[in-house]
Amino acid sequence: MTEATAPEVCLSSVDGNLLALFEAAQRWIHEQSLVLVEIETILGQAGELLDLYQGCLTAEKLPPSLRTPYELMAWTRPVRSENDVSGMEQYAHWFARWLAVCLPGNEDLQDEVCCQILLRTQSRAQRFVY
């Protein structure tokens, strides 16, 4: 197939939304200065907490400018529990709430996003191990 006859390839809106989701998650991880073991803990707990937030939170009433995955990070932040000494519980709830709002009703995709973020993070961490 030549360039002239090659079909045009473009990201679907779903792929573009997932890319924005991954970028927002990566930025959040960086901003929170999380290390691999913390990320593993947060994502594992978030996966277990997703059921708590299904259908409870919605971004429908937010203006479109605040509905980007990164903007939703701030909106979904929960209050930190007094018993949460390390902050990991708050981060897990935060991440679960964020996924439930960004991908409402799509539990399989929410789980897959957790897995993919973990795999990407582990892969990046392995590059720095000598």
N, C-alpha and C. Protein backbone atom coordinates (compact mmCIF):
# COMPACT_ATOMS: atom_id res chain seq x y z
N MET A 1 0.85 -1.18 0.00
CA MET A 1 0.00 0.00 0.00
C MET A 1 0.89 1.24 0.00
N THR A 2 0.63 2.15 -0.86
CA THR A 2 1.43 3.38 -0.94
C THR A 2 0.84 4.43 -0.02
N GLU A 3 1.59 5.49 0.16
CA GLU A 3 1.09 6.57 1.01
C GLU A 3 -0.20 7.15 0.47
N ALA A 4 -0.33 7.20 -0.84
CA ALA A 4 -1.51 7.80 -1.45
C ALA A 4 -2.76 6.97 -1.19
N THR A 5 -2.60 5.64 -1.05
CA THR A 5 -3.77 4.79 -0.85
C THR A 5 -3.94 4.33 0.59
N ALA A 6 -3.01 4.68 1.46
CA ALA A 6 -3.10 4.26 2.86
C ALA A 6 -4.28 4.95 3.52
N PRO A 7 -5.07 4.19 4.30
CA PRO A 7 -6.20 4.82 4.98
C PRO A 7 -5.71 5.82 6.03
N GLU A 8 -6.47 6.86 6.21
CA GLU A 8 -6.11 7.87 7.21
C GLU A 8 -6.32 7.29 8.59
N VAL A 9 -5.32 7.42 9.42
CA VAL A 9 -5.40 6.89 10.78
C VAL A 9 -5.52 8.06 11.73
N CYS A 10 -6.54 8.03 12.57
CA CYS A 10 -6.69 9.08 13.57
C CYS A 10 -7.21 8.44 14.85
N LEU A 11 -6.93 9.09 15.94
CA LEU A 11 -7.41 8.59 17.23
C LEU A 11 -8.92 8.77 17.31
N SER A 12 -9.59 7.76 17.80
CA SER A 12 -11.02 7.91 18.06
C SER A 12 -11.17 8.79 19.29
N SER A 13 -12.37 9.27 19.53
CA SER A 13 -12.58 10.11 20.71
C SER A 13 -12.32 9.31 21.98
N VAL A 14 -12.61 8.00 21.95
CA VAL A 14 -12.34 7.15 23.11
C VAL A 14 -10.85 7.07 23.36
N ASP A 15 -10.06 6.83 22.30
CA ASP A 15 -8.61 6.77 22.45
C ASP A 15 -8.05 8.09 22.95
N GLY A 16 -8.57 9.20 22.41
CA GLY A 16 -8.12 10.52 22.86
C GLY A 16 -8.45 10.76 24.32
N ASN A 17 -9.64 10.32 24.75
CA ASN A 17 -10.02 10.47 26.16
C ASN A 17 -9.13 9.62 27.06
N LEU A 18 -8.82 8.40 26.62
CA LEU A 18 -7.94 7.54 27.42
C LEU A 18 -6.53 8.11 27.51
N LEU A 19 -6.06 8.65 26.41
CA LEU A 19 -4.74 9.28 26.42
C LEU A 19 -4.71 10.45 27.40
N ALA A 20 -5.76 11.27 27.39
CA ALA A 20 -5.85 12.38 28.34
C ALA A 20 -5.92 11.87 29.77
N LEU A 21 -6.60 10.75 29.97
CA LEU A 21 -6.72 10.14 31.29
C LEU A 21 -5.35 9.66 31.78
N PHE A 22 -4.61 8.97 30.91
CA PHE A 22 -3.27 8.49 31.28
C PHE A 22 -2.33 9.65 31.57
N GLU A 23 -2.40 10.69 30.76
CA GLU A 23 -1.55 11.86 30.98
C GLU A 23 -1.89 12.55 32.29
N ALA A 24 -3.18 12.66 32.61
CA ALA A 24 -3.59 13.28 33.88
C ALA A 24 -3.12 12.43 35.05
N ALA A 25 -3.24 11.11 34.94
CA ALA A 25 -2.80 10.24 36.03
C ALA A 25 -1.29 10.35 36.23
N GLN A 26 -0.56 10.37 35.15
CA GLN A 26 0.90 10.50 35.23
C GLN A 26 1.28 11.83 35.87
N ARG A 27 0.61 12.89 35.48
CA ARG A 27 0.89 14.22 36.05
C ARG A 27 0.57 14.24 37.54
N TRP A 28 -0.57 13.63 37.92
CA TRP A 28 -0.97 13.56 39.33
C TRP A 28 0.06 12.79 40.15
N ILE A 29 0.51 11.65 39.64
CA ILE A 29 1.51 10.84 40.33
C ILE A 29 2.78 11.66 40.55
N HIS A 30 3.18 12.38 39.52
CA HIS A 30 4.38 13.22 39.62
C HIS A 30 4.18 14.36 40.64
N GLU A 31 3.04 15.02 40.58
CA GLU A 31 2.77 16.14 41.49
C GLU A 31 2.70 15.70 42.95
N GLN A 32 2.23 14.48 43.18
CA GLN A 32 2.14 13.98 44.55
C GLN A 32 3.46 13.37 45.02
N SER A 33 4.45 13.32 44.13
CA SER A 33 5.78 12.76 44.42
C SER A 33 5.69 11.32 44.92
N LEU A 34 4.87 10.55 44.25
CA LEU A 34 4.67 9.15 44.66
C LEU A 34 5.77 8.26 44.10
N VAL A 35 6.17 7.27 44.90
CA VAL A 35 7.15 6.28 44.46
C VAL A 35 6.41 5.00 44.11
N LEU A 36 7.11 4.07 43.48
CA LEU A 36 6.48 2.87 42.93
C LEU A 36 5.66 2.10 43.96
N VAL A 37 6.20 1.87 45.12
CA VAL A 37 5.46 1.08 46.13
C VAL A 37 4.18 1.79 46.54
N GLU A 38 4.21 3.11 46.61
CA GLU A 38 3.01 3.88 46.94
C GLU A 38 1.98 3.78 45.81
N ILE A 39 2.46 3.87 44.59
CA ILE A 39 1.55 3.78 43.43
C ILE A 39 0.89 2.41 43.39
N GLU A 40 1.67 1.38 43.64
CA GLU A 40 1.11 0.02 43.66
C GLU A 40 0.03 -0.11 44.73
N THR A 41 0.29 0.44 45.90
CA THR A 41 -0.67 0.40 47.00
C THR A 41 -1.94 1.17 46.64
N ILE A 42 -1.77 2.37 46.14
CA ILE A 42 -2.91 3.23 45.80
C ILE A 42 -3.78 2.58 44.73
N LEU A 43 -3.16 2.10 43.67
CA LEU A 43 -3.93 1.51 42.57
C LEU A 43 -4.63 0.23 43.01
N GLY A 44 -3.96 -0.57 43.84
CA GLY A 44 -4.60 -1.79 44.35
C GLY A 44 -5.82 -1.47 45.20
N GLN A 45 -5.67 -0.51 46.09
CA GLN A 45 -6.80 -0.12 46.94
C GLN A 45 -7.89 0.58 46.12
N ALA A 46 -7.50 1.41 45.17
CA ALA A 46 -8.48 2.12 44.34
C ALA A 46 -9.34 1.13 43.57
N GLY A 47 -8.72 0.07 43.06
CA GLY A 47 -9.48 -0.94 42.35
C GLY A 47 -10.55 -1.59 43.21
N GLU A 48 -10.25 -1.76 44.50
CA GLU A 48 -11.21 -2.34 45.43
C GLU A 48 -12.30 -1.33 45.84
N LEU A 49 -12.00 -0.05 45.75
CA LEU A 49 -12.93 0.99 46.18
C LEU A 49 -13.87 1.48 45.09
N LEU A 50 -13.61 1.11 43.85
CA LEU A 50 -14.40 1.63 42.74
C LEU A 50 -15.90 1.41 42.91
N ASP A 51 -16.30 0.28 43.46
CA ASP A 51 -17.73 0.00 43.64
C ASP A 51 -18.41 1.04 44.54
N LEU A 52 -17.66 1.60 45.49
CA LEU A 52 -18.24 2.60 46.39
C LEU A 52 -18.72 3.85 45.65
N TYR A 53 -18.06 4.16 44.55
CA TYR A 53 -18.31 5.43 43.88
C TYR A 53 -19.10 5.31 42.58
N GLN A 54 -19.49 4.09 42.20
CA GLN A 54 -20.26 3.92 40.96
C GLN A 54 -21.61 4.63 41.09
N GLY A 55 -21.84 5.60 40.24
CA GLY A 55 -23.11 6.32 40.21
C GLY A 55 -23.28 7.36 41.30
N CYS A 56 -22.35 7.47 42.23
CA CYS A 56 -22.47 8.44 43.32
C CYS A 56 -22.00 9.83 42.91
N LEU A 57 -20.98 9.88 42.11
CA LEU A 57 -20.41 11.15 41.69
C LEU A 57 -20.63 11.33 40.20
N THR A 58 -20.95 12.54 39.82
CA THR A 58 -21.12 12.83 38.40
C THR A 58 -20.62 14.24 38.11
N ALA A 59 -20.08 14.40 36.93
CA ALA A 59 -19.56 15.71 36.54
C ALA A 59 -20.52 16.44 35.62
N GLU A 60 -21.73 15.93 35.47
CA GLU A 60 -22.69 16.51 34.53
C GLU A 60 -22.98 17.98 34.79
N LYS A 61 -22.99 18.39 36.04
CA LYS A 61 -23.33 19.78 36.37
C LYS A 61 -22.12 20.71 36.30
N LEU A 62 -20.95 20.15 36.10
CA LEU A 62 -19.75 20.98 35.98
C LEU A 62 -19.67 21.58 34.58
N PRO A 63 -19.11 22.77 34.48
CA PRO A 63 -18.91 23.33 33.14
C PRO A 63 -17.94 22.46 32.34
N PRO A 64 -18.09 22.41 31.02
CA PRO A 64 -17.22 21.56 30.19
C PRO A 64 -15.73 21.80 30.42
N SER A 65 -15.34 23.04 30.72
CA SER A 65 -13.92 23.34 30.93
C SER A 65 -13.35 22.63 32.16
N LEU A 66 -14.22 22.22 33.07
CA LEU A 66 -13.76 21.51 34.27
C LEU A 66 -13.93 20.00 34.16
N ARG A 67 -14.30 19.51 33.01
CA ARG A 67 -14.54 18.08 32.85
C ARG A 67 -13.37 17.32 32.24
N THR A 68 -12.25 17.98 32.05
CA THR A 68 -11.09 17.26 31.55
C THR A 68 -10.58 16.35 32.66
N PRO A 69 -9.93 15.24 32.30
CA PRO A 69 -9.43 14.35 33.36
C PRO A 69 -8.57 15.06 34.39
N TYR A 70 -7.71 15.98 33.95
CA TYR A 70 -6.85 16.65 34.91
C TYR A 70 -7.64 17.58 35.83
N GLU A 71 -8.58 18.33 35.28
CA GLU A 71 -9.40 19.22 36.10
C GLU A 71 -10.26 18.43 37.09
N LEU A 72 -10.69 17.25 36.70
CA LEU A 72 -11.51 16.44 37.60
C LEU A 72 -10.72 15.91 38.80
N MET A 73 -9.41 15.89 38.69
CA MET A 73 -8.57 15.47 39.83
C MET A 73 -8.85 16.35 41.04
N ALA A 74 -8.84 17.65 40.83
CA ALA A 74 -9.07 18.57 41.95
C ALA A 74 -10.49 18.44 42.48
N TRP A 75 -11.45 18.28 41.60
CA TRP A 75 -12.85 18.21 41.99
C TRP A 75 -13.17 16.94 42.79
N THR A 76 -12.46 15.86 42.54
CA THR A 76 -12.77 14.58 43.19
C THR A 76 -11.96 14.33 44.46
N ARG A 77 -11.13 15.25 44.86
CA ARG A 77 -10.27 15.05 46.04
C ARG A 77 -11.12 14.93 47.31
N PRO A 78 -10.97 13.82 48.04
CA PRO A 78 -11.72 13.67 49.29
C PRO A 78 -10.98 14.32 50.46
N VAL A 79 -11.67 14.47 51.55
CA VAL A 79 -11.07 14.99 52.78
C VAL A 79 -10.26 13.85 53.40
N ARG A 80 -9.08 14.19 53.89
CA ARG A 80 -8.20 13.18 54.49
C ARG A 80 -8.71 12.79 55.87
N SER A 81 -8.78 11.50 56.11
CA SER A 81 -9.20 10.96 57.39
C SER A 81 -8.12 11.21 58.44
N GLU A 82 -8.52 11.44 59.68
CA GLU A 82 -7.55 11.66 60.76
C GLU A 82 -6.71 10.41 61.00
N ASN A 83 -7.27 9.24 60.73
CA ASN A 83 -6.56 7.97 60.98
C ASN A 83 -5.61 7.62 59.84
N ASP A 84 -5.64 8.34 58.75
CA ASP A 84 -4.82 8.05 57.58
C ASP A 84 -3.47 8.74 57.73
N VAL A 85 -2.59 8.12 58.48
CA VAL A 85 -1.29 8.71 58.81
C VAL A 85 -0.44 8.92 57.56
N SER A 86 -0.39 7.93 56.68
CA SER A 86 0.48 8.01 55.51
C SER A 86 -0.15 8.77 54.34
N GLY A 87 -1.47 8.90 54.33
CA GLY A 87 -2.14 9.55 53.22
C GLY A 87 -2.51 8.59 52.10
N MET A 88 -2.08 7.34 52.18
CA MET A 88 -2.34 6.37 51.12
C MET A 88 -3.84 6.07 50.98
N GLU A 89 -4.55 6.06 52.09
CA GLU A 89 -6.00 5.81 52.03
C GLU A 89 -6.69 6.94 51.27
N GLN A 90 -6.31 8.17 51.56
CA GLN A 90 -6.89 9.31 50.86
C GLN A 90 -6.58 9.24 49.38
N TYR A 91 -5.35 8.92 49.03
CA TYR A 91 -4.97 8.82 47.63
C TYR A 91 -5.76 7.73 46.92
N ALA A 92 -5.97 6.59 47.58
CA ALA A 92 -6.72 5.49 46.97
C ALA A 92 -8.18 5.91 46.71
N HIS A 93 -8.78 6.54 47.70
CA HIS A 93 -10.16 7.03 47.52
C HIS A 93 -10.20 8.10 46.42
N TRP A 94 -9.23 8.97 46.42
CA TRP A 94 -9.15 10.03 45.44
C TRP A 94 -9.09 9.44 44.03
N PHE A 95 -8.21 8.46 43.85
CA PHE A 95 -8.05 7.86 42.52
C PHE A 95 -9.31 7.10 42.10
N ALA A 96 -9.93 6.39 43.03
CA ALA A 96 -11.17 5.65 42.73
C ALA A 96 -12.29 6.62 42.35
N ARG A 97 -12.44 7.70 43.09
CA ARG A 97 -13.47 8.70 42.79
C ARG A 97 -13.23 9.31 41.41
N TRP A 98 -11.96 9.61 41.12
CA TRP A 98 -11.60 10.21 39.85
C TRP A 98 -11.95 9.27 38.69
N LEU A 99 -11.59 8.00 38.81
CA LEU A 99 -11.91 7.05 37.75
C LEU A 99 -13.42 6.90 37.56
N ALA A 100 -14.15 6.86 38.67
CA ALA A 100 -15.61 6.72 38.58
C ALA A 100 -16.26 7.91 37.88
N VAL A 101 -15.68 9.09 38.05
CA VAL A 101 -16.22 10.29 37.39
C VAL A 101 -15.77 10.36 35.93
N CYS A 102 -14.52 10.01 35.67
CA CYS A 102 -14.00 10.09 34.30
C CYS A 102 -14.58 9.01 33.39
N LEU A 103 -14.83 7.83 33.95
CA LEU A 103 -15.34 6.70 33.16
C LEU A 103 -16.60 6.15 33.82
N PRO A 104 -17.66 6.94 33.89
CA PRO A 104 -18.86 6.52 34.62
C PRO A 104 -19.48 5.25 34.05
N GLY A 105 -19.76 4.30 34.96
CA GLY A 105 -20.45 3.07 34.58
C GLY A 105 -19.63 2.08 33.80
N ASN A 106 -18.36 2.34 33.58
CA ASN A 106 -17.54 1.44 32.79
C ASN A 106 -16.48 0.80 33.68
N GLU A 107 -16.93 -0.14 34.52
CA GLU A 107 -16.05 -0.74 35.52
C GLU A 107 -14.90 -1.52 34.90
N ASP A 108 -15.15 -2.19 33.78
CA ASP A 108 -14.07 -2.94 33.13
C ASP A 108 -12.96 -2.00 32.67
N LEU A 109 -13.35 -0.88 32.09
CA LEU A 109 -12.35 0.09 31.63
C LEU A 109 -11.65 0.76 32.81
N GLN A 110 -12.37 1.00 33.90
CA GLN A 110 -11.74 1.56 35.10
C GLN A 110 -10.66 0.62 35.62
N ASP A 111 -10.97 -0.67 35.68
CA ASP A 111 -9.99 -1.66 36.12
C ASP A 111 -8.80 -1.72 35.17
N GLU A 112 -9.10 -1.67 33.88
CA GLU A 112 -8.03 -1.73 32.88
C GLU A 112 -7.12 -0.51 32.98
N VAL A 113 -7.69 0.66 33.23
CA VAL A 113 -6.88 1.88 33.39
C VAL A 113 -5.94 1.72 34.59
N CYS A 114 -6.44 1.20 35.70
CA CYS A 114 -5.58 0.96 36.87
C CYS A 114 -4.43 0.03 36.50
N CYS A 115 -4.74 -1.05 35.80
CA CYS A 115 -3.71 -2.01 35.41
C CYS A 115 -2.68 -1.38 34.47
N GLN A 116 -3.15 -0.63 33.50
CA GLN A 116 -2.24 -0.01 32.53
C GLN A 116 -1.35 1.05 33.18
N ILE A 117 -1.90 1.82 34.08
CA ILE A 117 -1.09 2.83 34.78
C ILE A 117 -0.02 2.14 35.62
N LEU A 118 -0.40 1.06 36.28
CA LEU A 118 0.57 0.31 37.08
C LEU A 118 1.67 -0.27 36.19
N LEU A 119 1.30 -0.88 35.07
CA LEU A 119 2.29 -1.44 34.15
C LEU A 119 3.23 -0.37 33.61
N ARG A 120 2.68 0.77 33.24
CA ARG A 120 3.51 1.87 32.73
C ARG A 120 4.48 2.36 33.80
N THR A 121 3.99 2.48 35.02
CA THR A 121 4.83 2.96 36.11
C THR A 121 5.93 1.97 36.42
N GLN A 122 5.60 0.68 36.47
CA GLN A 122 6.61 -0.35 36.73
C GLN A 122 7.64 -0.38 35.63
N SER A 123 7.20 -0.21 34.40
CA SER A 123 8.12 -0.21 33.26
C SER A 123 9.10 0.95 33.35
N ARG A 124 8.58 2.10 33.71
CA ARG A 124 9.45 3.28 33.85
C ARG A 124 10.43 3.10 35.00
N ALA A 125 9.98 2.49 36.07
CA ALA A 125 10.86 2.28 37.23
C ALA A 125 11.98 1.31 36.90
N GLN A 126 11.71 0.32 36.08
CA GLN A 126 12.72 -0.67 35.72
C GLN A 126 13.85 -0.05 34.90
N ARG A 127 13.55 1.00 34.17
CA ARG A 127 14.60 1.67 33.37
C ARG A 127 15.65 2.32 34.25
N PHE A 128 15.30 2.62 35.50
CA PHE A 128 16.26 3.29 36.38
C PHE A 128 16.99 2.34 37.30
N VAL A 129 16.67 1.05 37.23
CA VAL A 129 17.35 0.06 38.06
C VAL A 129 18.57 -0.44 37.30
N TYR A 130 19.71 -0.40 37.95
CA TYR A 130 20.96 -0.82 37.30
C TYR A 130 21.33 -2.21 37.71
